[in-house]
Amino acid sequence: MSKQKIEDCYFEHNSTIFSEMLGEDEEYLRLKKAKRAAEESLQSVISKEAWKQYLALDEICNELECARYKAMYLAGAADCKKLEE
């Protein structure tokens, strides 16, 4: 499988890859619920401007996490390719 085919496969399935990796994990769901509760508490005590800044930083963190999972996925696919050779 070529690098381009791996990239194409990733982009074709990236909307489900992460949910498949994390969606059923109980620890992930627990942490997600705790994060939502913390965000609700935070939003009630800080200014709207501070909340906007928090959301912007959270978005950056999400993008970095997605990049990390993409790298893990592509590395795993590359390892599978090496094993097939």
PDB file of N, CA and C in Angstrom:
ATOM      1  N   MET A   1       0.858  -1.176   0.000  1.00  0.00           N
ATOM      2  CA  MET A   1       0.000   0.000   0.000  1.00  0.00           C
ATOM      3  C   MET A   1       0.900   1.233   0.000  1.00  0.00           C
ATOM      4  N   SER A   2       0.675   2.112  -0.943  1.00  0.00           N
ATOM      5  CA  SER A   2       1.506   3.309  -1.036  1.00  0.00           C
ATOM      6  C   SER A   2       1.117   4.320   0.031  1.00  0.00           C
ATOM      7  N   LYS A   3       2.031   5.263   0.260  1.00  0.00           N
ATOM      8  CA  LYS A   3       1.759   6.325   1.230  1.00  0.00           C
ATOM      9  C   LYS A   3       0.500   7.085   0.840  1.00  0.00           C
ATOM     10  N   GLN A   4       0.324   7.345  -0.455  1.00  0.00           N
ATOM     11  CA  GLN A   4      -0.857   8.083  -0.909  1.00  0.00           C
ATOM     12  C   GLN A   4      -2.133   7.289  -0.626  1.00  0.00           C
ATOM     13  N   LYS A   5      -2.093   5.974  -0.832  1.00  0.00           N
ATOM     14  CA  LYS A   5      -3.271   5.149  -0.555  1.00  0.00           C
ATOM     15  C   LYS A   5      -3.608   5.165   0.932  1.00  0.00           C
ATOM     16  N   ILE A   6      -2.579   5.156   1.777  1.00  0.00           N
ATOM     17  CA  ILE A   6      -2.803   5.222   3.223  1.00  0.00           C
ATOM     18  C   ILE A   6      -3.444   6.551   3.579  1.00  0.00           C
ATOM     19  N   GLU A   7      -2.909   7.652   3.020  1.00  0.00           N
ATOM     20  CA  GLU A   7      -3.481   8.982   3.260  1.00  0.00           C
ATOM     21  C   GLU A   7      -4.925   9.042   2.762  1.00  0.00           C
ATOM     22  N   ASP A   8      -5.186   8.516   1.571  1.00  0.00           N
ATOM     23  CA  ASP A   8      -6.539   8.522   1.021  1.00  0.00           C
ATOM     24  C   ASP A   8      -7.492   7.744   1.920  1.00  0.00           C
ATOM     25  N   CYS A   9      -7.041   6.601   2.392  1.00  0.00           N
ATOM     26  CA  CYS A   9      -7.857   5.781   3.292  1.00  0.00           C
ATOM     27  C   CYS A   9      -8.139   6.541   4.578  1.00  0.00           C
ATOM     28  N   TYR A  10      -7.133   7.198   5.115  1.00  0.00           N
ATOM     29  CA  TYR A  10      -7.316   7.972   6.342  1.00  0.00           C
ATOM     30  C   TYR A  10      -8.377   9.051   6.132  1.00  0.00           C
ATOM     31  N   PHE A  11      -8.245   9.833   5.066  1.00  0.00           N
ATOM     32  CA  PHE A  11      -9.189  10.928   4.829  1.00  0.00           C
ATOM     33  C   PHE A  11     -10.594  10.412   4.534  1.00  0.00           C
ATOM     34  N   GLU A  12     -10.690   9.241   3.930  1.00  0.00           N
ATOM     35  CA  GLU A  12     -12.003   8.666   3.648  1.00  0.00           C
ATOM     36  C   GLU A  12     -12.718   8.241   4.933  1.00  0.00           C
ATOM     37  N   HIS A  13     -11.945   7.800   5.917  1.00  0.00           N
ATOM     38  CA  HIS A  13     -12.543   7.246   7.131  1.00  0.00           C
ATOM     39  C   HIS A  13     -12.283   8.060   8.397  1.00  0.00           C
ATOM     40  N   ASN A  14     -11.664   9.251   8.280  1.00  0.00           N
ATOM     41  CA  ASN A  14     -11.253   9.968   9.485  1.00  0.00           C
ATOM     42  C   ASN A  14     -12.423  10.377  10.364  1.00  0.00           C
ATOM     43  N   SER A  15     -13.617  10.518   9.829  1.00  0.00           N
ATOM     44  CA  SER A  15     -14.747  10.903  10.671  1.00  0.00           C
ATOM     45  C   SER A  15     -15.168   9.772  11.597  1.00  0.00           C
ATOM     46  N   THR A  16     -14.835   8.540  11.257  1.00  0.00           N
ATOM     47  CA  THR A  16     -15.220   7.414  12.115  1.00  0.00           C
ATOM     48  C   THR A  16     -14.052   6.793  12.866  1.00  0.00           C
ATOM     49  N   ILE A  17     -12.829   7.048  12.420  1.00  0.00           N
ATOM     50  CA  ILE A  17     -11.665   6.432  13.063  1.00  0.00           C
ATOM     51  C   ILE A  17     -11.625   6.756  14.554  1.00  0.00           C
ATOM     52  N   PHE A  18     -11.753   8.037  14.891  1.00  0.00           N
ATOM     53  CA  PHE A  18     -11.615   8.439  16.279  1.00  0.00           C
ATOM     54  C   PHE A  18     -12.784   7.962  17.122  1.00  0.00           C
ATOM     55  N   SER A  19     -13.982   8.003  16.563  1.00  0.00           N
ATOM     56  CA  SER A  19     -15.123   7.517  17.334  1.00  0.00           C
ATOM     57  C   SER A  19     -15.019   6.018  17.553  1.00  0.00           C
ATOM     58  N   GLU A  20     -14.479   5.299  16.581  1.00  0.00           N
ATOM     59  CA  GLU A  20     -14.275   3.868  16.754  1.00  0.00           C
ATOM     60  C   GLU A  20     -13.193   3.599  17.798  1.00  0.00           C
ATOM     61  N   MET A  21     -12.142   4.430  17.804  1.00  0.00           N
ATOM     62  CA  MET A  21     -11.051   4.245  18.754  1.00  0.00           C
ATOM     63  C   MET A  21     -11.479   4.615  20.175  1.00  0.00           C
ATOM     64  N   LEU A  22     -12.298   5.650  20.313  1.00  0.00           N
ATOM     65  CA  LEU A  22     -12.591   6.199  21.625  1.00  0.00           C
ATOM     66  C   LEU A  22     -14.047   6.093  22.053  1.00  0.00           C
ATOM     67  N   GLY A  23     -14.955   5.981  21.103  1.00  0.00           N
ATOM     68  CA  GLY A  23     -16.369   6.090  21.377  1.00  0.00           C
ATOM     69  C   GLY A  23     -16.925   5.133  22.404  1.00  0.00           C
ATOM     70  N   GLU A  24     -16.422   3.928  22.465  1.00  0.00           N
ATOM     71  CA  GLU A  24     -16.951   2.926  23.381  1.00  0.00           C
ATOM     72  C   GLU A  24     -16.130   2.799  24.660  1.00  0.00           C
ATOM     73  N   ASP A  25     -15.032   3.515  24.722  1.00  0.00           N
ATOM     74  CA  ASP A  25     -14.148   3.408  25.876  1.00  0.00           C
ATOM     75  C   ASP A  25     -14.778   4.095  27.091  1.00  0.00           C
ATOM     76  N   GLU A  26     -14.994   3.339  28.157  1.00  0.00           N
ATOM     77  CA  GLU A  26     -15.660   3.879  29.349  1.00  0.00           C
ATOM     78  C   GLU A  26     -14.866   5.011  29.991  1.00  0.00           C
ATOM     79  N   GLU A  27     -13.566   4.886  30.031  1.00  0.00           N
ATOM     80  CA  GLU A  27     -12.726   5.929  30.624  1.00  0.00           C
ATOM     81  C   GLU A  27     -12.837   7.215  29.809  1.00  0.00           C
ATOM     82  N   TYR A  28     -12.828   7.090  28.491  1.00  0.00           N
ATOM     83  CA  TYR A  28     -12.979   8.264  27.629  1.00  0.00           C
ATOM     84  C   TYR A  28     -14.323   8.938  27.875  1.00  0.00           C
ATOM     85  N   LEU A  29     -15.392   8.160  27.936  1.00  0.00           N
ATOM     86  CA  LEU A  29     -16.725   8.724  28.174  1.00  0.00           C
ATOM     87  C   LEU A  29     -16.807   9.398  29.539  1.00  0.00           C
ATOM     88  N   ARG A  30     -16.153   8.796  30.550  1.00  0.00           N
ATOM     89  CA  ARG A  30     -16.144   9.386  31.888  1.00  0.00           C
ATOM     90  C   ARG A  30     -15.418  10.729  31.875  1.00  0.00           C
ATOM     91  N   LEU A  31     -14.259  10.757  31.214  1.00  0.00           N
ATOM     92  CA  LEU A  31     -13.489  12.004  31.132  1.00  0.00           C
ATOM     93  C   LEU A  31     -14.231  13.079  30.329  1.00  0.00           C
ATOM     94  N   LYS A  32     -14.916  12.664  29.273  1.00  0.00           N
ATOM     95  CA  LYS A  32     -15.673  13.607  28.462  1.00  0.00           C
ATOM     96  C   LYS A  32     -16.802  14.232  29.290  1.00  0.00           C
ATOM     97  N   LYS A  33     -17.478  13.411  30.080  1.00  0.00           N
ATOM     98  CA  LYS A  33     -18.553  13.906  30.945  1.00  0.00           C
ATOM     99  C   LYS A  33     -17.989  14.850  32.011  1.00  0.00           C
ATOM    100  N   ALA A  34     -16.853  14.508  32.603  1.00  0.00           N
ATOM    101  CA  ALA A  34     -16.219  15.362  33.613  1.00  0.00           C
ATOM    102  C   ALA A  34     -15.789  16.692  32.998  1.00  0.00           C
ATOM    103  N   LYS A  35     -15.268  16.647  31.756  1.00  0.00           N
ATOM    104  CA  LYS A  35     -14.853  17.880  31.088  1.00  0.00           C
ATOM    105  C   LYS A  35     -16.055  18.788  30.853  1.00  0.00           C
ATOM    106  N   ARG A  36     -17.157  18.218  30.422  1.00  0.00           N
ATOM    107  CA  ARG A  36     -18.364  19.029  30.201  1.00  0.00           C
ATOM    108  C   ARG A  36     -18.828  19.688  31.496  1.00  0.00           C
ATOM    109  N   ALA A  37     -18.815  18.931  32.591  1.00  0.00           N
ATOM    110  CA  ALA A  37     -19.233  19.482  33.881  1.00  0.00           C
ATOM    111  C   ALA A  37     -18.300  20.614  34.312  1.00  0.00           C
ATOM    112  N   ALA A  38     -16.993  20.412  34.124  1.00  0.00           N
ATOM    113  CA  ALA A  38     -16.024  21.448  34.494  1.00  0.00           C
ATOM    114  C   ALA A  38     -16.209  22.693  33.633  1.00  0.00           C
ATOM    115  N   GLU A  39     -16.479  22.501  32.360  1.00  0.00           N
ATOM    116  CA  GLU A  39     -16.686  23.639  31.470  1.00  0.00           C
ATOM    117  C   GLU A  39     -17.938  24.424  31.853  1.00  0.00           C
ATOM    118  N   GLU A  40     -18.998  23.719  32.217  1.00  0.00           N
ATOM    119  CA  GLU A  40     -20.223  24.406  32.649  1.00  0.00           C
ATOM    120  C   GLU A  40     -19.966  25.242  33.901  1.00  0.00           C
ATOM    121  N   SER A  41     -19.206  24.684  34.842  1.00  0.00           N
ATOM    122  CA  SER A  41     -18.871  25.427  36.051  1.00  0.00           C
ATOM    123  C   SER A  41     -17.992  26.625  35.731  1.00  0.00           C
ATOM    124  N   LEU A  42     -17.005  26.428  34.883  1.00  0.00           N
ATOM    125  CA  LEU A  42     -16.100  27.499  34.502  1.00  0.00           C
ATOM    126  C   LEU A  42     -16.848  28.627  33.802  1.00  0.00           C
ATOM    127  N   GLN A  43     -17.712  28.262  32.882  1.00  0.00           N
ATOM    128  CA  GLN A  43     -18.438  29.268  32.109  1.00  0.00           C
ATOM    129  C   GLN A  43     -19.297  30.155  33.016  1.00  0.00           C
ATOM    130  N   SER A  44     -19.787  29.594  34.105  1.00  0.00           N
ATOM    131  CA  SER A  44     -20.661  30.367  34.985  1.00  0.00           C
ATOM    132  C   SER A  44     -19.902  31.383  35.847  1.00  0.00           C
ATOM    133  N   VAL A  45     -18.566  31.241  35.944  1.00  0.00           N
ATOM    134  CA  VAL A  45     -17.813  32.139  36.833  1.00  0.00           C
ATOM    135  C   VAL A  45     -16.816  33.057  36.124  1.00  0.00           C
ATOM    136  N   ILE A  46     -16.652  32.907  34.817  1.00  0.00           N
ATOM    137  CA  ILE A  46     -15.703  33.771  34.117  1.00  0.00           C
ATOM    138  C   ILE A  46     -16.444  34.651  33.111  1.00  0.00           C
ATOM    139  N   SER A  47     -15.761  35.675  32.626  1.00  0.00           N
ATOM    140  CA  SER A  47     -16.362  36.606  31.675  1.00  0.00           C
ATOM    141  C   SER A  47     -16.560  35.943  30.315  1.00  0.00           C
ATOM    142  N   LYS A  48     -17.395  36.550  29.506  1.00  0.00           N
ATOM    143  CA  LYS A  48     -17.622  36.026  28.151  1.00  0.00           C
ATOM    144  C   LYS A  48     -16.342  36.034  27.335  1.00  0.00           C
ATOM    145  N   GLU A  49     -15.532  37.083  27.505  1.00  0.00           N
ATOM    146  CA  GLU A  49     -14.262  37.169  26.763  1.00  0.00           C
ATOM    147  C   GLU A  49     -13.309  36.037  27.186  1.00  0.00           C
ATOM    148  N   ALA A  50     -13.220  35.797  28.476  1.00  0.00           N
ATOM    149  CA  ALA A  50     -12.363  34.707  28.959  1.00  0.00           C
ATOM    150  C   ALA A  50     -12.881  33.360  28.446  1.00  0.00           C
ATOM    151  N   TRP A  51     -14.195  33.205  28.383  1.00  0.00           N
ATOM    152  CA  TRP A  51     -14.779  31.957  27.877  1.00  0.00           C
ATOM    153  C   TRP A  51     -14.432  31.776  26.397  1.00  0.00           C
ATOM    154  N   LYS A  52     -14.482  32.841  25.622  1.00  0.00           N
ATOM    155  CA  LYS A  52     -14.102  32.765  24.206  1.00  0.00           C
ATOM    156  C   LYS A  52     -12.639  32.346  24.060  1.00  0.00           C
ATOM    157  N   GLN A  53     -11.779  32.892  24.912  1.00  0.00           N
ATOM    158  CA  GLN A  53     -10.358  32.520  24.871  1.00  0.00           C
ATOM    159  C   GLN A  53     -10.174  31.049  25.242  1.00  0.00           C
ATOM    160  N   TYR A  54     -10.920  30.596  26.236  1.00  0.00           N
ATOM    161  CA  TYR A  54     -10.861  29.179  26.623  1.00  0.00           C
ATOM    162  C   TYR A  54     -11.259  28.296  25.440  1.00  0.00           C
ATOM    163  N   LEU A  55     -12.356  28.637  24.770  1.00  0.00           N
ATOM    164  CA  LEU A  55     -12.824  27.841  23.632  1.00  0.00           C
ATOM    165  C   LEU A  55     -11.800  27.824  22.507  1.00  0.00           C
ATOM    166  N   ALA A  56     -11.138  28.961  22.276  1.00  0.00           N
ATOM    167  CA  ALA A  56     -10.105  29.017  21.241  1.00  0.00           C
ATOM    168  C   ALA A  56      -8.936  28.092  21.595  1.00  0.00           C
ATOM    169  N   LEU A  57      -8.517  28.119  22.851  1.00  0.00           N
ATOM    170  CA  LEU A  57      -7.430  27.224  23.288  1.00  0.00           C
ATOM    171  C   LEU A  57      -7.856  25.767  23.238  1.00  0.00           C
ATOM    172  N   ASP A  58      -9.095  25.493  23.597  1.00  0.00           N
ATOM    173  CA  ASP A  58      -9.608  24.128  23.554  1.00  0.00           C
ATOM    174  C   ASP A  58      -9.625  23.606  22.119  1.00  0.00           C
ATOM    175  N   GLU A  59      -9.963  24.470  21.182  1.00  0.00           N
ATOM    176  CA  GLU A  59      -9.975  24.083  19.771  1.00  0.00           C
ATOM    177  C   GLU A  59      -8.564  23.736  19.298  1.00  0.00           C
ATOM    178  N   ILE A  60      -7.583  24.513  19.726  1.00  0.00           N
ATOM    179  CA  ILE A  60      -6.188  24.217  19.378  1.00  0.00           C
ATOM    180  C   ILE A  60      -5.789  22.852  19.949  1.00  0.00           C
ATOM    181  N   CYS A  61      -6.166  22.598  21.187  1.00  0.00           N
ATOM    182  CA  CYS A  61      -5.872  21.300  21.809  1.00  0.00           C
ATOM    183  C   CYS A  61      -6.528  20.161  21.038  1.00  0.00           C
ATOM    184  N   ASN A  62      -7.766  20.364  20.608  1.00  0.00           N
ATOM    185  CA  ASN A  62      -8.465  19.334  19.835  1.00  0.00           C
ATOM    186  C   ASN A  62      -7.753  19.064  18.508  1.00  0.00           C
ATOM    187  N   GLU A  63      -7.302  20.129  17.845  1.00  0.00           N
ATOM    188  CA  GLU A  63      -6.583  19.959  16.584  1.00  0.00           C
ATOM    189  C   GLU A  63      -5.276  19.193  16.791  1.00  0.00           C
ATOM    190  N   LEU A  64      -4.578  19.500  17.874  1.00  0.00           N
ATOM    191  CA  LEU A  64      -3.336  18.792  18.169  1.00  0.00           C
ATOM    192  C   LEU A  64      -3.606  17.319  18.471  1.00  0.00           C
ATOM    193  N   GLU A  65      -4.667  17.063  19.196  1.00  0.00           N
ATOM    194  CA  GLU A  65      -5.024  15.672  19.522  1.00  0.00           C
ATOM    195  C   GLU A  65      -5.388  14.906  18.254  1.00  0.00           C
ATOM    196  N   CYS A  66      -6.122  15.543  17.346  1.00  0.00           N
ATOM    197  CA  CYS A  66      -6.462  14.901  16.074  1.00  0.00           C
ATOM    198  C   CYS A  66      -5.201  14.607  15.264  1.00  0.00           C
ATOM    199  N   ALA A  67      -4.269  15.546  15.263  1.00  0.00           N
ATOM    200  CA  ALA A  67      -3.011  15.331  14.550  1.00  0.00           C
ATOM    201  C   ALA A  67      -2.245  14.155  15.152  1.00  0.00           C
ATOM    202  N   ARG A  68      -2.286  14.045  16.476  1.00  0.00           N
ATOM    203  CA  ARG A  68      -1.612  12.922  17.144  1.00  0.00           C
ATOM    204  C   ARG A  68      -2.242  11.591  16.736  1.00  0.00           C
ATOM    205  N   TYR A  69      -3.580  11.529  16.721  1.00  0.00           N
ATOM    206  CA  TYR A  69      -4.249  10.293  16.323  1.00  0.00           C
ATOM    207  C   TYR A  69      -4.010   9.968  14.858  1.00  0.00           C
ATOM    208  N   LYS A  70      -3.952  11.006  14.023  1.00  0.00           N
ATOM    209  CA  LYS A  70      -3.661  10.762  12.606  1.00  0.00           C
ATOM    210  C   LYS A  70      -2.268  10.160  12.471  1.00  0.00           C
ATOM    211  N   ALA A  71      -1.304  10.724  13.191  1.00  0.00           N
ATOM    212  CA  ALA A  71       0.062  10.205  13.130  1.00  0.00           C
ATOM    213  C   ALA A  71       0.108   8.754  13.607  1.00  0.00           C
ATOM    214  N   MET A  72      -0.627   8.455  14.676  1.00  0.00           N
ATOM    215  CA  MET A  72      -0.667   7.078  15.185  1.00  0.00           C
ATOM    216  C   MET A  72      -1.286   6.136  14.147  1.00  0.00           C
ATOM    217  N   TYR A  73      -2.372   6.583  13.511  1.00  0.00           N
ATOM    218  CA  TYR A  73      -3.044   5.774  12.501  1.00  0.00           C
ATOM    219  C   TYR A  73      -2.117   5.510  11.324  1.00  0.00           C
ATOM    220  N   LEU A  74      -1.478   6.582  10.829  1.00  0.00           N
ATOM    221  CA  LEU A  74      -0.597   6.426   9.674  1.00  0.00           C
ATOM    222  C   LEU A  74       0.626   5.585  10.009  1.00  0.00           C
ATOM    223  N   ALA A  75       1.148   5.736  11.219  1.00  0.00           N
ATOM    224  CA  ALA A  75       2.289   4.907  11.633  1.00  0.00           C
ATOM    225  C   ALA A  75       1.876   3.447  11.708  1.00  0.00           C
ATOM    226  N   GLY A  76       0.701   3.186  12.227  1.00  0.00           N
ATOM    227  CA  GLY A  76       0.204   1.805  12.290  1.00  0.00           C
ATOM    228  C   GLY A  76       0.018   1.221  10.902  1.00  0.00           C
ATOM    229  N   ALA A  77      -0.520   2.015   9.986  1.00  0.00           N
ATOM    230  CA  ALA A  77      -0.702   1.547   8.614  1.00  0.00           C
ATOM    231  C   ALA A  77       0.647   1.290   7.955  1.00  0.00           C
ATOM    232  N   ALA A  78       1.616   2.154   8.212  1.00  0.00           N
ATOM    233  CA  ALA A  78       2.956   1.967   7.647  1.00  0.00           C
ATOM    234  C   ALA A  78       3.600   0.701   8.211  1.00  0.00           C
ATOM    235  N   ASP A  79       3.403   0.443   9.506  1.00  0.00           N
ATOM    236  CA  ASP A  79       3.938  -0.777  10.113  1.00  0.00           C
ATOM    237  C   ASP A  79       3.309  -2.011   9.482  1.00  0.00           C
ATOM    238  N   CYS A  80       2.007  -1.947   9.223  1.00  0.00           N
ATOM    239  CA  CYS A  80       1.326  -3.089   8.563  1.00  0.00           C
ATOM    240  C   CYS A  80       1.911  -3.316   7.188  1.00  0.00           C
ATOM    241  N   LYS A  81       2.210  -2.225   6.480  1.00  0.00           N
ATOM    242  CA  LYS A  81       2.791  -2.333   5.139  1.00  0.00           C
ATOM    243  C   LYS A  81       4.154  -3.028   5.219  1.00  0.00           C
ATOM    244  N   LYS A  82       4.950  -2.662   6.219  1.00  0.00           N
ATOM    245  CA  LYS A  82       6.281  -3.260   6.383  1.00  0.00           C
ATOM    246  C   LYS A  82       6.156  -4.757   6.666  1.00  0.00           C
ATOM    247  N   LEU A  83       5.146  -5.136   7.459  1.00  0.00           N
ATOM    248  CA  LEU A  83       4.955  -6.549   7.778  1.00  0.00           C
ATOM    249  C   LEU A  83       4.528  -7.350   6.559  1.00  0.00           C
ATOM    250  N   GLU A  84       3.812  -6.712   5.632  1.00  0.00           N
ATOM    251  CA  GLU A  84       3.362  -7.402   4.424  1.00  0.00           C
ATOM    252  C   GLU A  84       4.487  -7.648   3.441  1.00  0.00           C
ATOM    253  N   GLU A  85       5.550  -6.845   3.523  1.00  0.00           N
ATOM    254  CA  GLU A  85       6.646  -6.944   2.546  1.00  0.00           C
ATOM    255  C   GLU A  85       7.486  -8.175   2.782  1.00  0.00           C
TER     256      GLU A  85
END
